[in-house]
Amino acid sequence: MSWLGTVGRALTAATVRTLRGPSRLTAGHARTMAYWNKDWKPGPYPRTPEEHAAAAKKYGLRVEDYEPYPDDGMGYGDYPKLPRISAESRSANDLWDMPEIKRNFGEPVHVDADILVEDKWNPTTRMRYSFKQMLMWIGGVWGTMLAIYIISLPYPHFLPAMPKQMPKDGKQHYIFEPVE
């Protein structure tokens, strides 16, 4: 039996399962590419010192270091307010449990972890020029180009060309008929 036959049967079985509908594991639930577990949902906002200590223990933090997001209706609950440090800012020489994302096992994930990866936003970057300086430079460059355009409007913007020169006006110099 060839591997192609095995792959073909596996693909056919997967197609049949897809056409049959959801399995017992996914019945009634929408499956997405991003996996979510109901146990990962943050608990309610801690109101008492005991709830505060329990939430700190839940996320593996000391009580002194644990600070939840404010209860402003965003729905973060008891999730810890972690500093915004992107993966790009973390040392590549450390021995990470997951070096491709620079994380250790059991480490709490930031709320904005999807944007704090290496190839996206880095809030700790110090820019060479301030945002105001960047806007002033782009405005100056565009303003200079606009000023040059406006100043040069009265002058012709085309390549000058003389009328076509002929040896003698009205005399035919060539014909396209076969020689007899």
C-alpha atoms as a PDB file:
ATOM      1  CA  MET A   1       0.000   0.000   0.000  1.00  0.00           C
ATOM      2  CA  SER A   2       1.424   3.377  -0.940  1.00  0.00           C
ATOM      3  CA  TRP A   3       1.540   6.463   1.206  1.00  0.00           C
ATOM      4  CA  LEU A   4      -0.562   8.303  -1.370  1.00  0.00           C
ATOM      5  CA  GLY A   5      -3.464   5.918  -0.799  1.00  0.00           C
ATOM      6  CA  THR A   6      -3.200   6.432   2.963  1.00  0.00           C
ATOM      7  CA  VAL A   7      -3.165  10.214   2.590  1.00  0.00           C
ATOM      8  CA  GLY A   8      -6.106  10.062   0.186  1.00  0.00           C
ATOM      9  CA  ARG A   9      -8.157   7.979   2.628  1.00  0.00           C
ATOM     10  CA  ALA A  10      -7.275  10.331   5.486  1.00  0.00           C
ATOM     11  CA  LEU A  11      -8.342  13.363   3.439  1.00  0.00           C
ATOM     12  CA  THR A  12     -11.556  11.634   2.439  1.00  0.00           C
ATOM     13  CA  ALA A  13     -12.307  10.759   6.069  1.00  0.00           C
ATOM     14  CA  ALA A  14     -11.647  14.363   7.124  1.00  0.00           C
ATOM     15  CA  THR A  15     -13.982  15.601   4.381  1.00  0.00           C
ATOM     16  CA  VAL A  16     -16.729  13.221   5.499  1.00  0.00           C
ATOM     17  CA  ARG A  17     -16.313  14.325   9.127  1.00  0.00           C
ATOM     18  CA  THR A  18     -16.515  17.962   8.028  1.00  0.00           C
ATOM     19  CA  LEU A  19     -19.661  17.354   5.985  1.00  0.00           C
ATOM     20  CA  ARG A  20     -21.292  15.363   8.788  1.00  0.00           C
ATOM     21  CA  GLY A  21     -21.203  18.374  11.095  1.00  0.00           C
ATOM     22  CA  PRO A  22     -19.633  19.165  14.446  1.00  0.00           C
ATOM     23  CA  SER A  23     -18.288  16.383  16.610  1.00  0.00           C
ATOM     24  CA  ARG A  24     -19.205  15.819  20.239  1.00  0.00           C
ATOM     25  CA  LEU A  25     -16.197  17.896  21.319  1.00  0.00           C
ATOM     26  CA  THR A  26     -17.227  21.003  19.396  1.00  0.00           C
ATOM     27  CA  ALA A  27     -21.026  20.629  19.393  1.00  0.00           C
ATOM     28  CA  GLY A  28     -22.633  23.913  20.321  1.00  0.00           C
ATOM     29  CA  HIS A  29     -19.304  25.800  20.393  1.00  0.00           C
ATOM     30  CA  ALA A  30     -17.709  27.868  17.676  1.00  0.00           C
ATOM     31  CA  ARG A  31     -14.201  26.699  16.879  1.00  0.00           C
ATOM     32  CA  THR A  32     -11.657  29.305  16.032  1.00  0.00           C
ATOM     33  CA  MET A  33      -7.995  29.308  15.197  1.00  0.00           C
ATOM     34  CA  ALA A  34      -7.203  31.010  18.505  1.00  0.00           C
ATOM     35  CA  TYR A  35      -7.895  28.473  21.232  1.00  0.00           C
ATOM     36  CA  TRP A  36      -9.657  29.707  24.358  1.00  0.00           C
ATOM     37  CA  ASN A  37     -10.304  27.859  27.581  1.00  0.00           C
ATOM     38  CA  LYS A  38     -13.036  29.009  29.957  1.00  0.00           C
ATOM     39  CA  ASP A  39     -10.652  28.425  32.887  1.00  0.00           C
ATOM     40  CA  TRP A  40      -8.415  31.203  31.576  1.00  0.00           C
ATOM     41  CA  LYS A  41     -11.098  33.841  32.078  1.00  0.00           C
ATOM     42  CA  PRO A  42     -10.120  36.300  34.820  1.00  0.00           C
ATOM     43  CA  GLY A  43     -12.060  36.162  38.053  1.00  0.00           C
ATOM     44  CA  PRO A  44     -14.066  39.038  39.488  1.00  0.00           C
ATOM     45  CA  TYR A  45     -12.271  42.177  40.612  1.00  0.00           C
ATOM     46  CA  PRO A  46     -10.769  41.621  44.100  1.00  0.00           C
ATOM     47  CA  ARG A  47     -12.551  43.757  46.717  1.00  0.00           C
ATOM     48  CA  THR A  48     -11.132  42.416  49.994  1.00  0.00           C
ATOM     49  CA  PRO A  49      -7.511  41.821  51.039  1.00  0.00           C
ATOM     50  CA  GLU A  50      -8.189  38.051  51.078  1.00  0.00           C
ATOM     51  CA  GLU A  51      -9.436  38.137  47.459  1.00  0.00           C
ATOM     52  CA  HIS A  52      -6.416  40.293  46.583  1.00  0.00           C
ATOM     53  CA  ALA A  53      -4.004  37.715  48.097  1.00  0.00           C
ATOM     54  CA  ALA A  54      -5.846  34.816  46.413  1.00  0.00           C
ATOM     55  CA  ALA A  55      -5.643  36.529  43.005  1.00  0.00           C
ATOM     56  CA  ALA A  56      -1.925  37.220  43.494  1.00  0.00           C
ATOM     57  CA  LYS A  57      -1.346  33.548  44.300  1.00  0.00           C
ATOM     58  CA  LYS A  58      -3.448  32.498  41.286  1.00  0.00           C
ATOM     59  CA  TYR A  59      -1.156  34.430  38.943  1.00  0.00           C
ATOM     60  CA  GLY A  60       2.067  33.443  40.714  1.00  0.00           C
ATOM     61  CA  LEU A  61       2.867  36.927  42.011  1.00  0.00           C
ATOM     62  CA  ARG A  62       3.734  38.284  45.436  1.00  0.00           C
ATOM     63  CA  VAL A  63       0.978  40.236  47.163  1.00  0.00           C
ATOM     64  CA  GLU A  64       3.182  43.362  47.112  1.00  0.00           C
ATOM     65  CA  ASP A  65       3.732  43.067  43.348  1.00  0.00           C
ATOM     66  CA  TYR A  66       0.135  42.267  42.418  1.00  0.00           C
ATOM     67  CA  GLU A  67      -1.967  45.161  41.139  1.00  0.00           C
ATOM     68  CA  PRO A  68      -5.136  44.489  39.127  1.00  0.00           C
ATOM     69  CA  TYR A  69      -6.420  46.707  36.348  1.00  0.00           C
ATOM     70  CA  PRO A  70      -8.890  49.337  37.576  1.00  0.00           C
ATOM     71  CA  ASP A  71     -12.507  48.216  37.685  1.00  0.00           C
ATOM     72  CA  ASP A  72     -13.635  50.552  34.902  1.00  0.00           C
ATOM     73  CA  GLY A  73     -15.900  48.178  32.989  1.00  0.00           C
ATOM     74  CA  MET A  74     -13.273  46.897  30.514  1.00  0.00           C
ATOM     75  CA  GLY A  75     -13.680  43.370  31.857  1.00  0.00           C
ATOM     76  CA  TYR A  76     -10.122  42.621  32.981  1.00  0.00           C
ATOM     77  CA  GLY A  77     -11.359  41.511  36.418  1.00  0.00           C
ATOM     78  CA  ASP A  78      -8.566  40.266  38.681  1.00  0.00           C
ATOM     79  CA  TYR A  79      -5.983  40.028  35.888  1.00  0.00           C
ATOM     80  CA  PRO A  80      -2.662  41.617  36.966  1.00  0.00           C
ATOM     81  CA  LYS A  81      -1.575  44.937  35.531  1.00  0.00           C
ATOM     82  CA  LEU A  82       1.843  44.056  34.156  1.00  0.00           C
ATOM     83  CA  PRO A  83       4.410  46.534  32.796  1.00  0.00           C
ATOM     84  CA  ARG A  84       4.457  46.980  29.022  1.00  0.00           C
ATOM     85  CA  ILE A  85       7.712  45.332  27.996  1.00  0.00           C
ATOM     86  CA  SER A  86       7.873  43.887  24.499  1.00  0.00           C
ATOM     87  CA  ALA A  87       9.674  40.689  23.599  1.00  0.00           C
ATOM     88  CA  GLU A  88      12.139  42.780  21.575  1.00  0.00           C
ATOM     89  CA  SER A  89      13.279  44.495  24.780  1.00  0.00           C
ATOM     90  CA  ARG A  90      13.914  41.222  26.601  1.00  0.00           C
ATOM     91  CA  SER A  91      17.385  39.746  26.549  1.00  0.00           C
ATOM     92  CA  ALA A  92      18.020  37.145  23.873  1.00  0.00           C
ATOM     93  CA  ASN A  93      20.853  35.682  25.987  1.00  0.00           C
ATOM     94  CA  ASP A  94      18.634  34.544  28.865  1.00  0.00           C
ATOM     95  CA  LEU A  95      17.659  30.906  29.118  1.00  0.00           C
ATOM     96  CA  TRP A  96      13.967  31.162  28.318  1.00  0.00           C
ATOM     97  CA  ASP A  97      11.669  28.146  28.538  1.00  0.00           C
ATOM     98  CA  MET A  98      10.179  29.307  25.213  1.00  0.00           C
ATOM     99  CA  PRO A  99      13.011  31.229  23.511  1.00  0.00           C
ATOM    100  CA  GLU A 100      11.060  31.914  20.314  1.00  0.00           C
ATOM    101  CA  ILE A 101       8.679  34.198  22.242  1.00  0.00           C
ATOM    102  CA  LYS A 102      11.030  34.979  25.177  1.00  0.00           C
ATOM    103  CA  ARG A 103       8.758  33.636  27.913  1.00  0.00           C
ATOM    104  CA  ASN A 104       9.104  31.318  30.871  1.00  0.00           C
ATOM    105  CA  PHE A 105       6.621  28.624  31.836  1.00  0.00           C
ATOM    106  CA  GLY A 106       3.915  29.898  34.209  1.00  0.00           C
ATOM    107  CA  GLU A 107       4.731  33.553  33.581  1.00  0.00           C
ATOM    108  CA  PRO A 108       1.603  35.715  33.372  1.00  0.00           C
ATOM    109  CA  VAL A 109       0.864  36.976  29.879  1.00  0.00           C
ATOM    110  CA  HIS A 110       0.282  40.693  29.378  1.00  0.00           C
ATOM    111  CA  VAL A 111      -3.195  41.786  28.283  1.00  0.00           C
ATOM    112  CA  ASP A 112      -1.646  43.266  25.134  1.00  0.00           C
ATOM    113  CA  ALA A 113       0.609  40.264  24.465  1.00  0.00           C
ATOM    114  CA  ASP A 114      -0.521  40.047  20.843  1.00  0.00           C
ATOM    115  CA  ILE A 115       1.005  43.454  20.083  1.00  0.00           C
ATOM    116  CA  LEU A 116       4.077  43.182  22.343  1.00  0.00           C
ATOM    117  CA  VAL A 117       5.801  40.522  20.209  1.00  0.00           C
ATOM    118  CA  GLU A 118       9.165  41.118  18.540  1.00  0.00           C
ATOM    119  CA  ASP A 119       7.898  42.097  15.095  1.00  0.00           C
ATOM    120  CA  LYS A 120       5.323  44.648  16.266  1.00  0.00           C
ATOM    121  CA  TRP A 121       5.095  47.583  18.671  1.00  0.00           C
ATOM    122  CA  ASN A 122       7.835  48.227  21.210  1.00  0.00           C
ATOM    123  CA  PRO A 123       6.746  50.820  23.815  1.00  0.00           C
ATOM    124  CA  THR A 124      10.253  51.028  25.293  1.00  0.00           C
ATOM    125  CA  THR A 125      11.851  52.262  22.061  1.00  0.00           C
ATOM    126  CA  ARG A 126      13.537  55.633  22.348  1.00  0.00           C
ATOM    127  CA  MET A 127      13.225  57.446  19.051  1.00  0.00           C
ATOM    128  CA  ARG A 128      16.072  59.589  17.743  1.00  0.00           C
ATOM    129  CA  TYR A 129      13.690  62.474  17.005  1.00  0.00           C
ATOM    130  CA  SER A 130      10.508  63.446  18.819  1.00  0.00           C
ATOM    131  CA  PHE A 131       7.153  63.133  17.093  1.00  0.00           C
ATOM    132  CA  LYS A 132       6.914  66.939  16.883  1.00  0.00           C
ATOM    133  CA  GLN A 133      10.296  67.106  15.112  1.00  0.00           C
ATOM    134  CA  MET A 134       9.220  64.390  12.666  1.00  0.00           C
ATOM    135  CA  LEU A 135       6.021  66.291  11.824  1.00  0.00           C
ATOM    136  CA  MET A 136       7.966  69.522  11.365  1.00  0.00           C
ATOM    137  CA  TRP A 137      10.414  67.835   8.964  1.00  0.00           C
ATOM    138  CA  ILE A 138       7.710  66.201   6.863  1.00  0.00           C
ATOM    139  CA  GLY A 139       5.801  69.505   6.774  1.00  0.00           C
ATOM    140  CA  GLY A 140       8.973  71.356   5.756  1.00  0.00           C
ATOM    141  CA  VAL A 141       9.787  68.927   2.935  1.00  0.00           C
ATOM    142  CA  TRP A 142       6.233  68.908   1.566  1.00  0.00           C
ATOM    143  CA  GLY A 143       5.967  72.678   1.995  1.00  0.00           C
ATOM    144  CA  THR A 144       9.193  73.219   0.048  1.00  0.00           C
ATOM    145  CA  MET A 145       7.990  70.984  -2.788  1.00  0.00           C
ATOM    146  CA  LEU A 146       4.625  72.807  -2.882  1.00  0.00           C
ATOM    147  CA  ALA A 147       6.360  76.222  -2.902  1.00  0.00           C
ATOM    148  CA  ILE A 148       8.611  75.184  -5.814  1.00  0.00           C
ATOM    149  CA  TYR A 149       5.562  73.948  -7.735  1.00  0.00           C
ATOM    150  CA  ILE A 150       3.593  77.149  -7.127  1.00  0.00           C
ATOM    151  CA  ILE A 151       6.543  79.390  -8.035  1.00  0.00           C
ATOM    152  CA  SER A 152       7.173  77.461 -11.264  1.00  0.00           C
ATOM    153  CA  LEU A 153       3.522  77.517 -12.458  1.00  0.00           C
ATOM    154  CA  PRO A 154       3.952  80.551 -14.813  1.00  0.00           C
ATOM    155  CA  TYR A 155       6.801  78.830 -16.653  1.00  0.00           C
ATOM    156  CA  PRO A 156       6.272  76.120 -19.314  1.00  0.00           C
ATOM    157  CA  HIS A 157       6.343  72.533 -18.076  1.00  0.00           C
ATOM    158  CA  PHE A 158       6.940  70.712 -21.380  1.00  0.00           C
ATOM    159  CA  LEU A 159       9.839  69.796 -23.610  1.00  0.00           C
ATOM    160  CA  PRO A 160      10.159  72.406 -26.374  1.00  0.00           C
ATOM    161  CA  ALA A 161      10.018  71.072 -29.936  1.00  0.00           C
ATOM    162  CA  MET A 162      10.566  72.782 -33.300  1.00  0.00           C
ATOM    163  CA  PRO A 163       8.327  72.079 -36.313  1.00  0.00           C
ATOM    164  CA  LYS A 164       9.416  69.123 -38.452  1.00  0.00           C
ATOM    165  CA  GLN A 165      11.985  70.187 -41.086  1.00  0.00           C
ATOM    166  CA  MET A 166      11.570  69.078 -44.732  1.00  0.00           C
ATOM    167  CA  PRO A 167      14.096  69.537 -47.564  1.00  0.00           C
ATOM    168  CA  LYS A 168      11.563  71.346 -49.794  1.00  0.00           C
ATOM    169  CA  ASP A 169       7.985  72.080 -48.972  1.00  0.00           C
ATOM    170  CA  GLY A 170       5.398  70.240 -51.075  1.00  0.00           C
ATOM    171  CA  LYS A 171       7.850  68.002 -52.979  1.00  0.00           C
ATOM    172  CA  GLN A 172       7.428  64.209 -52.669  1.00  0.00           C
ATOM    173  CA  HIS A 173      10.757  62.484 -51.922  1.00  0.00           C
ATOM    174  CA  TYR A 174       9.625  58.868 -51.719  1.00  0.00           C
ATOM    175  CA  ILE A 175       6.898  56.497 -52.907  1.00  0.00           C
ATOM    176  CA  PHE A 176       5.819  53.076 -51.768  1.00  0.00           C
ATOM    177  CA  GLU A 177       5.017  51.485 -55.080  1.00  0.00           C
ATOM    178  CA  PRO A 178       6.873  48.516 -56.569  1.00  0.00           C
ATOM    179  CA  VAL A 179       9.473  49.236 -59.239  1.00  0.00           C
ATOM    180  CA  GLU A 180       8.389  48.073 -62.723  1.00  0.00           C
END
